[in-house]
Amino acid sequence: MKKRMVLPLVSVLAVAGFAGSVFAAHEGQEFMAELTPDQETMEVESTATGDASVEFSEDGMSLEFMVNADDLTNTLAGHFHSGATGENGPVELLLFENAEPMDYNGEVATGTLTEADLAGDMNWEEFTAAMVAGDIYVNLHTEQYPDGEIRGQVEMAGDEMPTTATNGPLYTMIGLFTALMGGLLLFGRKQKKTA
């Protein structure tokens, strides 16, 4: 009876370990966005450009951001929105908001954000998963273009692939151990029946 319980238990542990490693794809990762007028979904005539960088903490529970812009005038606010390239979506996180319109040629805003700062319907897990999937964009809003003057899709920095959790090798070992144990249990069972 005990052998019948071991295989399912070990299998459940392996699946849980694998799921945990996949979920952690954003931990410690860096993301970038190039902000331009032509990425807006409506026609924008502007010479403004910008960029944004995002880095998640090692535990994945917060992110640090920096937004820069050149030739951006009468700026009102900046947000992270959810939505794929070419699609508008709701505000998920506020990056900054100006009491009075401001002009920028350089740094616009920096800060640290956590789940407590979420402004939309997403929870932190959904937000981070959307960012890893490329479904989050930065949008800077101005008086001239209240729906957004420059926008950029957030993407993994460089050619990096999302990594698994820092304990990914542990989960790999658990998976290998599970396969080995399952094979031994089945082999042992087969040997008993033939004896």
N, C-alpha and C. Protein backbone atom coordinates (compact mmCIF):
# COMPACT_ATOMS: atom_id res chain seq x y z
N MET A 1 0.82 -1.20 0.00
CA MET A 1 0.00 0.00 0.00
C MET A 1 0.86 1.26 0.00
N LYS A 2 1.97 1.20 0.76
CA LYS A 2 2.83 2.38 0.86
C LYS A 2 3.44 2.73 -0.49
N LYS A 3 3.82 1.72 -1.26
CA LYS A 3 4.42 1.98 -2.57
C LYS A 3 3.43 2.66 -3.50
N ARG A 4 2.17 2.32 -3.38
CA ARG A 4 1.14 2.94 -4.22
C ARG A 4 0.98 4.42 -3.91
N MET A 5 1.27 4.82 -2.69
CA MET A 5 1.12 6.22 -2.28
C MET A 5 2.35 7.05 -2.67
N VAL A 6 3.53 6.42 -2.72
CA VAL A 6 4.76 7.15 -2.95
C VAL A 6 4.80 7.77 -4.34
N LEU A 7 4.48 7.02 -5.37
CA LEU A 7 4.56 7.52 -6.74
C LEU A 7 3.66 8.74 -6.96
N PRO A 8 2.37 8.70 -6.56
CA PRO A 8 1.55 9.90 -6.74
C PRO A 8 2.07 11.09 -5.95
N LEU A 9 2.56 10.86 -4.73
CA LEU A 9 3.06 11.96 -3.91
C LEU A 9 4.29 12.60 -4.55
N VAL A 10 5.22 11.77 -5.00
CA VAL A 10 6.42 12.30 -5.64
C VAL A 10 6.06 13.03 -6.93
N SER A 11 5.11 12.52 -7.68
CA SER A 11 4.67 13.17 -8.93
C SER A 11 4.08 14.54 -8.65
N VAL A 12 3.26 14.64 -7.60
CA VAL A 12 2.66 15.93 -7.23
C VAL A 12 3.75 16.92 -6.86
N LEU A 13 4.75 16.49 -6.10
CA LEU A 13 5.84 17.38 -5.73
C LEU A 13 6.61 17.86 -6.96
N ALA A 14 6.83 16.99 -7.90
CA ALA A 14 7.55 17.38 -9.12
C ALA A 14 6.77 18.41 -9.92
N VAL A 15 5.47 18.18 -10.07
CA VAL A 15 4.63 19.13 -10.81
C VAL A 15 4.60 20.47 -10.10
N ALA A 16 4.48 20.47 -8.78
CA ALA A 16 4.46 21.72 -8.02
C ALA A 16 5.78 22.46 -8.18
N GLY A 17 6.89 21.73 -8.16
CA GLY A 17 8.19 22.36 -8.34
C GLY A 17 8.33 22.98 -9.71
N PHE A 18 7.89 22.27 -10.74
CA PHE A 18 7.95 22.80 -12.11
C PHE A 18 7.09 24.05 -12.24
N ALA A 19 5.87 24.02 -11.70
CA ALA A 19 4.97 25.17 -11.79
C ALA A 19 5.58 26.37 -11.09
N GLY A 20 6.22 26.16 -9.95
CA GLY A 20 6.84 27.26 -9.24
C GLY A 20 7.97 27.88 -10.02
N SER A 21 8.74 27.06 -10.74
CA SER A 21 9.85 27.60 -11.51
C SER A 21 9.36 28.38 -12.72
N VAL A 22 8.28 27.96 -13.35
CA VAL A 22 7.73 28.68 -14.50
C VAL A 22 7.16 30.02 -14.06
N PHE A 23 6.44 30.03 -12.93
CA PHE A 23 5.81 31.26 -12.46
C PHE A 23 6.85 32.34 -12.18
N ALA A 24 8.05 31.96 -11.81
CA ALA A 24 9.06 32.91 -11.37
C ALA A 24 9.85 33.52 -12.52
N ALA A 25 9.33 33.53 -13.73
CA ALA A 25 10.07 34.00 -14.90
C ALA A 25 10.45 35.47 -14.84
N HIS A 26 9.79 36.28 -14.02
CA HIS A 26 10.08 37.71 -13.97
C HIS A 26 11.09 38.09 -12.89
N GLU A 27 11.35 37.20 -11.94
CA GLU A 27 12.20 37.53 -10.80
C GLU A 27 13.60 37.95 -11.24
N GLY A 28 14.01 39.16 -10.81
CA GLY A 28 15.34 39.67 -11.12
C GLY A 28 15.55 40.08 -12.56
N GLN A 29 14.52 40.05 -13.38
CA GLN A 29 14.66 40.35 -14.81
C GLN A 29 14.59 41.85 -15.09
N GLU A 30 15.21 42.24 -16.20
CA GLU A 30 15.17 43.63 -16.67
C GLU A 30 14.36 43.70 -17.96
N PHE A 31 13.60 44.77 -18.08
CA PHE A 31 12.76 45.01 -19.25
C PHE A 31 13.00 46.43 -19.74
N MET A 32 12.75 46.66 -21.04
CA MET A 32 12.95 47.97 -21.65
C MET A 32 11.77 48.30 -22.56
N ALA A 33 11.57 49.60 -22.78
CA ALA A 33 10.58 50.06 -23.75
C ALA A 33 11.12 51.29 -24.44
N GLU A 34 11.03 51.33 -25.75
CA GLU A 34 11.37 52.51 -26.55
C GLU A 34 10.06 53.24 -26.82
N LEU A 35 9.97 54.50 -26.42
CA LEU A 35 8.72 55.25 -26.54
C LEU A 35 8.76 56.17 -27.76
N THR A 36 7.79 56.00 -28.65
CA THR A 36 7.70 56.81 -29.86
C THR A 36 6.24 57.14 -30.16
N PRO A 37 6.01 58.22 -30.92
CA PRO A 37 4.63 58.58 -31.27
C PRO A 37 3.96 57.56 -32.19
N ASP A 38 4.74 56.91 -33.05
CA ASP A 38 4.12 56.00 -34.03
C ASP A 38 3.60 54.70 -33.41
N GLN A 39 3.89 54.46 -32.14
CA GLN A 39 3.34 53.28 -31.47
C GLN A 39 1.95 53.55 -30.87
N GLU A 40 1.55 54.83 -30.85
CA GLU A 40 0.20 55.15 -30.37
C GLU A 40 -0.81 54.61 -31.38
N THR A 41 -2.00 54.29 -30.92
CA THR A 41 -3.01 53.72 -31.82
C THR A 41 -3.73 54.78 -32.65
N MET A 42 -3.57 56.05 -32.27
CA MET A 42 -4.14 57.13 -33.07
C MET A 42 -2.99 57.91 -33.70
N GLU A 43 -3.31 58.76 -34.64
CA GLU A 43 -2.26 59.54 -35.31
C GLU A 43 -1.74 60.63 -34.38
N VAL A 44 -0.42 60.65 -34.20
CA VAL A 44 0.23 61.65 -33.35
C VAL A 44 1.35 62.29 -34.16
N GLU A 45 1.36 63.61 -34.20
CA GLU A 45 2.44 64.35 -34.85
C GLU A 45 3.30 64.96 -33.77
N SER A 46 4.45 64.35 -33.52
CA SER A 46 5.32 64.79 -32.44
C SER A 46 6.74 64.36 -32.73
N THR A 47 7.70 65.13 -32.24
CA THR A 47 9.11 64.76 -32.36
C THR A 47 9.61 64.14 -31.05
N ALA A 48 8.74 63.98 -30.09
CA ALA A 48 9.13 63.43 -28.79
C ALA A 48 9.50 61.96 -28.91
N THR A 49 10.46 61.56 -28.10
CA THR A 49 10.85 60.15 -27.97
C THR A 49 11.17 59.90 -26.50
N GLY A 50 11.33 58.65 -26.18
CA GLY A 50 11.68 58.33 -24.80
C GLY A 50 12.03 56.87 -24.63
N ASP A 51 12.32 56.51 -23.41
CA ASP A 51 12.58 55.12 -23.08
C ASP A 51 12.21 54.87 -21.63
N ALA A 52 12.00 53.62 -21.33
CA ALA A 52 11.69 53.21 -19.96
C ALA A 52 12.46 51.94 -19.66
N SER A 53 12.92 51.83 -18.43
CA SER A 53 13.57 50.59 -18.00
C SER A 53 12.89 50.11 -16.72
N VAL A 54 12.80 48.80 -16.60
CA VAL A 54 12.14 48.17 -15.46
C VAL A 54 13.03 47.04 -14.98
N GLU A 55 13.21 46.94 -13.67
CA GLU A 55 13.94 45.81 -13.11
C GLU A 55 13.17 45.27 -11.91
N PHE A 56 12.86 43.99 -11.96
CA PHE A 56 12.16 43.34 -10.85
C PHE A 56 13.16 42.98 -9.76
N SER A 57 12.71 43.02 -8.53
CA SER A 57 13.53 42.57 -7.40
C SER A 57 13.77 41.07 -7.53
N GLU A 58 14.75 40.57 -6.79
CA GLU A 58 15.07 39.14 -6.85
C GLU A 58 13.91 38.27 -6.41
N ASP A 59 13.08 38.78 -5.49
CA ASP A 59 11.92 37.98 -5.06
C ASP A 59 10.69 38.22 -5.94
N GLY A 60 10.80 39.16 -6.89
CA GLY A 60 9.72 39.42 -7.83
C GLY A 60 8.54 40.20 -7.27
N MET A 61 8.66 40.69 -6.03
CA MET A 61 7.52 41.35 -5.39
C MET A 61 7.52 42.87 -5.55
N SER A 62 8.52 43.42 -6.21
CA SER A 62 8.55 44.86 -6.50
C SER A 62 9.32 45.08 -7.79
N LEU A 63 9.16 46.28 -8.35
CA LEU A 63 9.93 46.65 -9.53
C LEU A 63 10.41 48.07 -9.38
N GLU A 64 11.59 48.33 -9.94
CA GLU A 64 12.12 49.69 -10.01
C GLU A 64 12.02 50.12 -11.46
N PHE A 65 11.63 51.39 -11.67
CA PHE A 65 11.50 51.88 -13.03
C PHE A 65 12.19 53.22 -13.20
N MET A 66 12.54 53.53 -14.44
CA MET A 66 13.05 54.84 -14.83
C MET A 66 12.46 55.17 -16.19
N VAL A 67 11.94 56.38 -16.33
CA VAL A 67 11.38 56.85 -17.60
C VAL A 67 12.12 58.11 -18.00
N ASN A 68 12.56 58.17 -19.26
CA ASN A 68 13.22 59.34 -19.83
C ASN A 68 12.46 59.77 -21.08
N ALA A 69 12.51 61.06 -21.38
CA ALA A 69 11.87 61.56 -22.60
C ALA A 69 12.62 62.78 -23.11
N ASP A 70 12.60 62.95 -24.41
CA ASP A 70 13.19 64.13 -25.05
C ASP A 70 12.12 64.83 -25.87
N ASP A 71 12.13 66.17 -25.78
CA ASP A 71 11.22 67.00 -26.56
C ASP A 71 9.74 66.69 -26.26
N LEU A 72 9.46 66.35 -25.01
CA LEU A 72 8.09 66.07 -24.59
C LEU A 72 7.58 67.26 -23.79
N THR A 73 6.55 67.92 -24.30
CA THR A 73 6.06 69.15 -23.66
C THR A 73 4.65 68.96 -23.10
N ASN A 74 4.37 69.79 -22.09
CA ASN A 74 3.04 69.80 -21.45
C ASN A 74 2.60 68.40 -21.01
N THR A 75 3.51 67.71 -20.34
CA THR A 75 3.26 66.32 -19.93
C THR A 75 2.40 66.28 -18.68
N LEU A 76 1.40 65.41 -18.71
CA LEU A 76 0.46 65.29 -17.60
C LEU A 76 0.74 64.07 -16.72
N ALA A 77 0.95 62.90 -17.33
CA ALA A 77 1.08 61.67 -16.55
C ALA A 77 1.71 60.57 -17.39
N GLY A 78 2.11 59.51 -16.70
CA GLY A 78 2.63 58.31 -17.35
C GLY A 78 2.13 57.08 -16.62
N HIS A 79 1.84 56.04 -17.37
CA HIS A 79 1.28 54.82 -16.79
C HIS A 79 1.85 53.57 -17.46
N PHE A 80 1.74 52.45 -16.74
CA PHE A 80 1.81 51.12 -17.34
C PHE A 80 0.38 50.75 -17.69
N HIS A 81 0.14 50.39 -18.94
CA HIS A 81 -1.17 49.91 -19.38
C HIS A 81 -1.03 48.44 -19.77
N SER A 82 -2.11 47.69 -19.65
CA SER A 82 -2.11 46.33 -20.19
C SER A 82 -2.68 46.38 -21.60
N GLY A 83 -2.07 45.63 -22.49
CA GLY A 83 -2.52 45.58 -23.88
C GLY A 83 -1.39 45.18 -24.80
N ALA A 84 -1.74 44.48 -25.84
CA ALA A 84 -0.75 44.05 -26.83
C ALA A 84 -0.39 45.21 -27.75
N THR A 85 0.63 45.03 -28.55
CA THR A 85 1.04 46.04 -29.52
C THR A 85 -0.14 46.41 -30.40
N GLY A 86 -0.38 47.72 -30.56
CA GLY A 86 -1.46 48.19 -31.41
C GLY A 86 -2.83 48.18 -30.77
N GLU A 87 -2.91 47.78 -29.51
CA GLU A 87 -4.20 47.77 -28.80
C GLU A 87 -4.13 48.68 -27.59
N ASN A 88 -5.23 49.39 -27.33
CA ASN A 88 -5.32 50.19 -26.12
C ASN A 88 -5.81 49.31 -24.98
N GLY A 89 -5.34 49.62 -23.78
CA GLY A 89 -5.77 48.86 -22.61
C GLY A 89 -5.84 49.75 -21.40
N PRO A 90 -6.36 49.22 -20.30
CA PRO A 90 -6.54 50.01 -19.09
C PRO A 90 -5.22 50.30 -18.36
N VAL A 91 -5.24 51.33 -17.53
CA VAL A 91 -4.10 51.66 -16.67
C VAL A 91 -3.98 50.56 -15.61
N GLU A 92 -2.75 50.07 -15.43
CA GLU A 92 -2.49 49.08 -14.39
C GLU A 92 -1.66 49.66 -13.25
N LEU A 93 -0.70 50.54 -13.58
CA LEU A 93 0.14 51.18 -12.57
C LEU A 93 0.42 52.62 -12.97
N LEU A 94 0.36 53.52 -12.01
CA LEU A 94 0.70 54.92 -12.23
C LEU A 94 2.21 55.09 -12.08
N LEU A 95 2.85 55.66 -13.09
CA LEU A 95 4.28 55.95 -13.01
C LEU A 95 4.52 57.33 -12.43
N PHE A 96 3.75 58.30 -12.88
CA PHE A 96 3.84 59.66 -12.34
C PHE A 96 2.60 60.43 -12.77
N GLU A 97 2.35 61.52 -12.05
CA GLU A 97 1.26 62.42 -12.40
C GLU A 97 1.68 63.82 -11.98
N ASN A 98 1.58 64.77 -12.90
CA ASN A 98 1.99 66.15 -12.63
C ASN A 98 0.79 67.01 -12.28
N ALA A 99 0.93 67.82 -11.23
CA ALA A 99 -0.13 68.76 -10.87
C ALA A 99 -0.27 69.83 -11.94
N GLU A 100 0.85 70.21 -12.54
CA GLU A 100 0.88 71.17 -13.65
C GLU A 100 1.62 70.52 -14.82
N PRO A 101 1.24 70.81 -16.06
CA PRO A 101 1.95 70.24 -17.21
C PRO A 101 3.44 70.58 -17.16
N MET A 102 4.29 69.61 -17.51
CA MET A 102 5.74 69.78 -17.44
C MET A 102 6.37 69.43 -18.78
N ASP A 103 7.52 70.07 -19.06
CA ASP A 103 8.31 69.77 -20.25
C ASP A 103 9.50 68.91 -19.84
N TYR A 104 9.88 67.95 -20.70
CA TYR A 104 10.98 67.05 -20.36
C TYR A 104 11.97 66.91 -21.50
N ASN A 105 13.24 66.94 -21.11
CA ASN A 105 14.38 66.60 -21.95
C ASN A 105 15.36 65.86 -21.05
N GLY A 106 15.06 64.61 -20.75
CA GLY A 106 15.88 63.83 -19.83
C GLY A 106 14.99 62.98 -18.93
N GLU A 107 15.42 62.85 -17.68
CA GLU A 107 14.68 62.00 -16.74
C GLU A 107 13.29 62.55 -16.45
N VAL A 108 12.31 61.68 -16.54
CA VAL A 108 10.92 62.04 -16.26
C VAL A 108 10.50 61.54 -14.89
N ALA A 109 10.76 60.29 -14.60
CA ALA A 109 10.34 59.71 -13.32
C ALA A 109 11.13 58.45 -13.01
N THR A 110 11.32 58.20 -11.71
CA THR A 110 11.90 56.96 -11.22
C THR A 110 11.11 56.55 -9.99
N GLY A 111 11.17 55.29 -9.65
CA GLY A 111 10.49 54.86 -8.44
C GLY A 111 10.45 53.36 -8.29
N THR A 112 9.83 52.94 -7.21
CA THR A 112 9.63 51.53 -6.90
C THR A 112 8.14 51.28 -6.76
N LEU A 113 7.64 50.23 -7.37
CA LEU A 113 6.22 49.89 -7.33
C LEU A 113 6.03 48.46 -6.84
N THR A 114 4.90 48.25 -6.14
CA THR A 114 4.55 46.92 -5.63
C THR A 114 3.07 46.66 -5.92
N GLU A 115 2.60 45.53 -5.46
CA GLU A 115 1.19 45.16 -5.66
C GLU A 115 0.25 46.21 -5.09
N ALA A 116 0.65 46.88 -4.01
CA ALA A 116 -0.19 47.90 -3.38
C ALA A 116 -0.44 49.08 -4.31
N ASP A 117 0.41 49.27 -5.32
CA ASP A 117 0.27 50.40 -6.24
C ASP A 117 -0.62 50.10 -7.44
N LEU A 118 -1.03 48.86 -7.61
CA LEU A 118 -1.86 48.50 -8.77
C LEU A 118 -3.15 49.32 -8.79
N ALA A 119 -3.49 49.81 -9.98
CA ALA A 119 -4.68 50.66 -10.13
C ALA A 119 -5.77 50.01 -10.97
N GLY A 120 -5.46 48.91 -11.62
CA GLY A 120 -6.42 48.25 -12.50
C GLY A 120 -7.01 47.01 -11.87
N ASP A 121 -7.52 46.13 -12.73
CA ASP A 121 -8.15 44.89 -12.27
C ASP A 121 -7.17 43.75 -12.06
N MET A 122 -5.94 43.89 -12.54
CA MET A 122 -4.97 42.81 -12.43
C MET A 122 -4.42 42.71 -11.01
N ASN A 123 -4.07 41.47 -10.60
CA ASN A 123 -3.28 41.32 -9.39
C ASN A 123 -1.80 41.28 -9.81
N TRP A 124 -0.90 41.20 -8.84
CA TRP A 124 0.54 41.28 -9.16
C TRP A 124 0.98 40.12 -10.05
N GLU A 125 0.48 38.92 -9.79
CA GLU A 125 0.85 37.76 -10.60
C GLU A 125 0.43 37.96 -12.05
N GLU A 126 -0.78 38.47 -12.25
CA GLU A 126 -1.28 38.70 -13.61
C GLU A 126 -0.48 39.80 -14.31
N PHE A 127 -0.14 40.86 -13.55
CA PHE A 127 0.62 41.97 -14.13
C PHE A 127 2.01 41.49 -14.57
N THR A 128 2.70 40.77 -13.69
CA THR A 128 4.05 40.32 -14.05
C THR A 128 4.02 39.31 -15.19
N ALA A 129 3.01 38.45 -15.21
CA ALA A 129 2.88 37.49 -16.32
C ALA A 129 2.63 38.23 -17.63
N ALA A 130 1.81 39.28 -17.59
CA ALA A 130 1.54 40.08 -18.79
C ALA A 130 2.80 40.78 -19.28
N MET A 131 3.64 41.25 -18.34
CA MET A 131 4.88 41.90 -18.75
C MET A 131 5.82 40.90 -19.42
N VAL A 132 5.96 39.72 -18.84
CA VAL A 132 6.81 38.69 -19.43
C VAL A 132 6.30 38.32 -20.83
N ALA A 133 4.98 38.32 -21.00
CA ALA A 133 4.36 37.96 -22.29
C ALA A 133 4.42 39.11 -23.31
N GLY A 134 4.85 40.31 -22.89
CA GLY A 134 4.91 41.45 -23.80
C GLY A 134 3.59 42.18 -23.95
N ASP A 135 2.71 42.03 -22.97
CA ASP A 135 1.38 42.64 -23.03
C ASP A 135 1.21 43.81 -22.07
N ILE A 136 2.32 44.51 -21.78
CA ILE A 136 2.29 45.74 -20.97
C ILE A 136 3.00 46.81 -21.77
N TYR A 137 2.44 48.03 -21.76
CA TYR A 137 3.12 49.14 -22.44
C TYR A 137 3.15 50.37 -21.55
N VAL A 138 4.14 51.24 -21.81
CA VAL A 138 4.28 52.52 -21.12
C VAL A 138 3.66 53.57 -22.02
N ASN A 139 2.86 54.46 -21.44
CA ASN A 139 2.20 55.51 -22.22
C ASN A 139 2.36 56.83 -21.47
N LEU A 140 2.88 57.86 -22.17
CA LEU A 140 3.02 59.19 -21.59
C LEU A 140 1.99 60.12 -22.21
N HIS A 141 1.21 60.75 -21.34
CA HIS A 141 0.07 61.57 -21.74
C HIS A 141 0.41 63.06 -21.62
N THR A 142 -0.03 63.84 -22.61
CA THR A 142 0.23 65.29 -22.61
C THR A 142 -1.07 66.05 -22.83
N GLU A 143 -0.99 67.37 -22.67
CA GLU A 143 -2.18 68.20 -22.95
C GLU A 143 -2.61 68.06 -24.40
N GLN A 144 -1.64 68.04 -25.32
CA GLN A 144 -1.96 67.93 -26.74
C GLN A 144 -2.55 66.57 -27.08
N TYR A 145 -2.06 65.54 -26.41
CA TYR A 145 -2.50 64.16 -26.68
C TYR A 145 -2.83 63.47 -25.35
N PRO A 146 -4.02 63.75 -24.81
CA PRO A 146 -4.37 63.17 -23.50
C PRO A 146 -4.46 61.65 -23.50
N ASP A 147 -4.67 61.03 -24.66
CA ASP A 147 -4.69 59.56 -24.73
C ASP A 147 -3.29 58.97 -24.86
N GLY A 148 -2.30 59.83 -25.05
CA GLY A 148 -0.92 59.38 -25.14
C GLY A 148 -0.19 60.00 -26.32
N GLU A 149 1.01 60.57 -26.04
CA GLU A 149 1.82 61.15 -27.11
C GLU A 149 2.94 60.22 -27.54
N ILE A 150 3.54 59.53 -26.57
CA ILE A 150 4.54 58.51 -26.91
C ILE A 150 4.25 57.25 -26.09
N ARG A 151 4.52 56.14 -26.74
CA ARG A 151 4.17 54.84 -26.15
C ARG A 151 5.24 53.83 -26.55
N GLY A 152 5.40 52.81 -25.71
CA GLY A 152 6.33 51.73 -26.03
C GLY A 152 5.97 50.45 -25.32
N GLN A 153 6.02 49.36 -26.07
CA GLN A 153 5.74 48.04 -25.50
C GLN A 153 6.93 47.61 -24.65
N VAL A 154 6.67 47.08 -23.47
CA VAL A 154 7.73 46.63 -22.57
C VAL A 154 8.16 45.23 -22.99
N GLU A 155 9.48 45.08 -23.19
CA GLU A 155 10.03 43.80 -23.63
C GLU A 155 11.23 43.43 -22.79
N MET A 156 11.55 42.14 -22.76
CA MET A 156 12.72 41.65 -22.04
C MET A 156 13.95 42.38 -22.57
N ALA A 157 14.81 42.85 -21.68
CA ALA A 157 16.01 43.58 -22.09
C ALA A 157 16.97 42.67 -22.84
N GLY A 158 17.54 43.16 -23.91
CA GLY A 158 18.50 42.40 -24.70
C GLY A 158 17.88 41.17 -25.31
N ASP A 159 18.69 40.16 -25.48
CA ASP A 159 18.21 38.90 -26.05
C ASP A 159 17.99 37.85 -24.99
N GLU A 160 17.82 38.30 -23.73
CA GLU A 160 17.66 37.35 -22.65
C GLU A 160 16.37 36.57 -22.81
N MET A 161 16.42 35.34 -22.39
CA MET A 161 15.21 34.53 -22.29
C MET A 161 14.81 34.56 -20.82
N PRO A 162 13.51 34.49 -20.53
CA PRO A 162 13.12 34.44 -19.13
C PRO A 162 13.76 33.24 -18.45
N THR A 163 14.32 33.49 -17.28
CA THR A 163 14.91 32.38 -16.53
C THR A 163 13.89 31.86 -15.55
N THR A 164 14.15 30.67 -15.07
CA THR A 164 13.27 30.14 -14.03
C THR A 164 13.75 30.68 -12.71
N ALA A 165 13.11 30.27 -11.66
CA ALA A 165 13.47 30.74 -10.33
C ALA A 165 14.94 30.43 -10.06
N THR A 166 15.54 31.15 -9.09
CA THR A 166 16.94 30.93 -8.78
C THR A 166 17.17 29.52 -8.26
N ASN A 167 16.11 28.86 -7.80
CA ASN A 167 16.25 27.48 -7.36
C ASN A 167 15.77 26.52 -8.45
N GLY A 168 15.81 26.95 -9.70
CA GLY A 168 15.42 26.11 -10.82
C GLY A 168 16.17 24.78 -10.87
N PRO A 169 17.52 24.77 -10.61
CA PRO A 169 18.23 23.49 -10.61
C PRO A 169 17.66 22.51 -9.57
N LEU A 170 17.20 23.03 -8.45
CA LEU A 170 16.59 22.15 -7.44
C LEU A 170 15.36 21.46 -8.02
N TYR A 171 14.53 22.23 -8.72
CA TYR A 171 13.32 21.65 -9.30
C TYR A 171 13.67 20.64 -10.40
N THR A 172 14.73 20.90 -11.12
CA THR A 172 15.17 19.95 -12.13
C THR A 172 15.59 18.64 -11.47
N MET A 173 16.32 18.75 -10.37
CA MET A 173 16.75 17.55 -9.65
C MET A 173 15.54 16.79 -9.10
N ILE A 174 14.54 17.51 -8.59
CA ILE A 174 13.33 16.85 -8.10
C ILE A 174 12.66 16.09 -9.23
N GLY A 175 12.59 16.70 -10.41
CA GLY A 175 11.98 16.03 -11.56
C GLY A 175 12.74 14.77 -11.95
N LEU A 176 14.07 14.86 -11.97
CA LEU A 176 14.88 13.69 -12.30
C LEU A 176 14.71 12.59 -11.25
N PHE A 177 14.71 13.00 -10.00
CA PHE A 177 14.52 12.03 -8.91
C PHE A 177 13.16 11.34 -9.04
N THR A 178 12.13 12.13 -9.38
CA THR A 178 10.79 11.58 -9.55
C THR A 178 10.76 10.53 -10.66
N ALA A 179 11.38 10.86 -11.77
CA ALA A 179 11.41 9.91 -12.89
C ALA A 179 12.14 8.64 -12.49
N LEU A 180 13.26 8.79 -11.80
CA LEU A 180 14.03 7.63 -11.36
C LEU A 180 13.23 6.77 -10.39
N MET A 181 12.61 7.41 -9.40
CA MET A 181 11.82 6.67 -8.40
C MET A 181 10.63 5.96 -9.06
N GLY A 182 9.97 6.65 -9.97
CA GLY A 182 8.83 6.04 -10.66
C GLY A 182 9.27 4.81 -11.43
N GLY A 183 10.40 4.91 -12.11
CA GLY A 183 10.91 3.77 -12.87
C GLY A 183 11.27 2.61 -11.95
N LEU A 184 11.91 2.92 -10.82
CA LEU A 184 12.28 1.86 -9.87
C LEU A 184 11.05 1.19 -9.28
N LEU A 185 10.04 1.99 -8.93
CA LEU A 185 8.81 1.42 -8.37
C LEU A 185 8.11 0.52 -9.37
N LEU A 186 8.02 0.97 -10.61
CA LEU A 186 7.38 0.14 -11.63
C LEU A 186 8.18 -1.12 -11.91
N PHE A 187 9.50 -0.99 -11.95
CA PHE A 187 10.37 -2.14 -12.17
C PHE A 187 10.22 -3.14 -11.03
N GLY A 188 10.19 -2.64 -9.78
CA GLY A 188 10.03 -3.50 -8.61
C GLY A 188 8.70 -4.23 -8.62
N ARG A 189 7.66 -3.53 -9.03
CA ARG A 189 6.33 -4.11 -9.10
C ARG A 189 6.30 -5.24 -10.14
N LYS A 190 6.93 -4.98 -11.28
CA LYS A 190 6.97 -5.97 -12.36
C LYS A 190 7.74 -7.21 -11.93
N GLN A 191 8.85 -7.02 -11.19
CA GLN A 191 9.66 -8.14 -10.72
C GLN A 191 8.88 -9.03 -9.76
N LYS A 192 8.05 -8.41 -8.87
CA LYS A 192 7.25 -9.18 -7.92
C LYS A 192 6.25 -10.06 -8.64
N LYS A 193 5.61 -9.51 -9.67
CA LYS A 193 4.58 -10.25 -10.40
C LYS A 193 5.17 -11.44 -11.15
N THR A 194 6.39 -11.31 -11.66
CA THR A 194 7.00 -12.40 -12.42
C THR A 194 7.61 -13.46 -11.52
N ALA A 195 7.82 -13.14 -10.25
CA ALA A 195 8.45 -14.11 -9.34
C ALA A 195 7.48 -15.13 -8.80
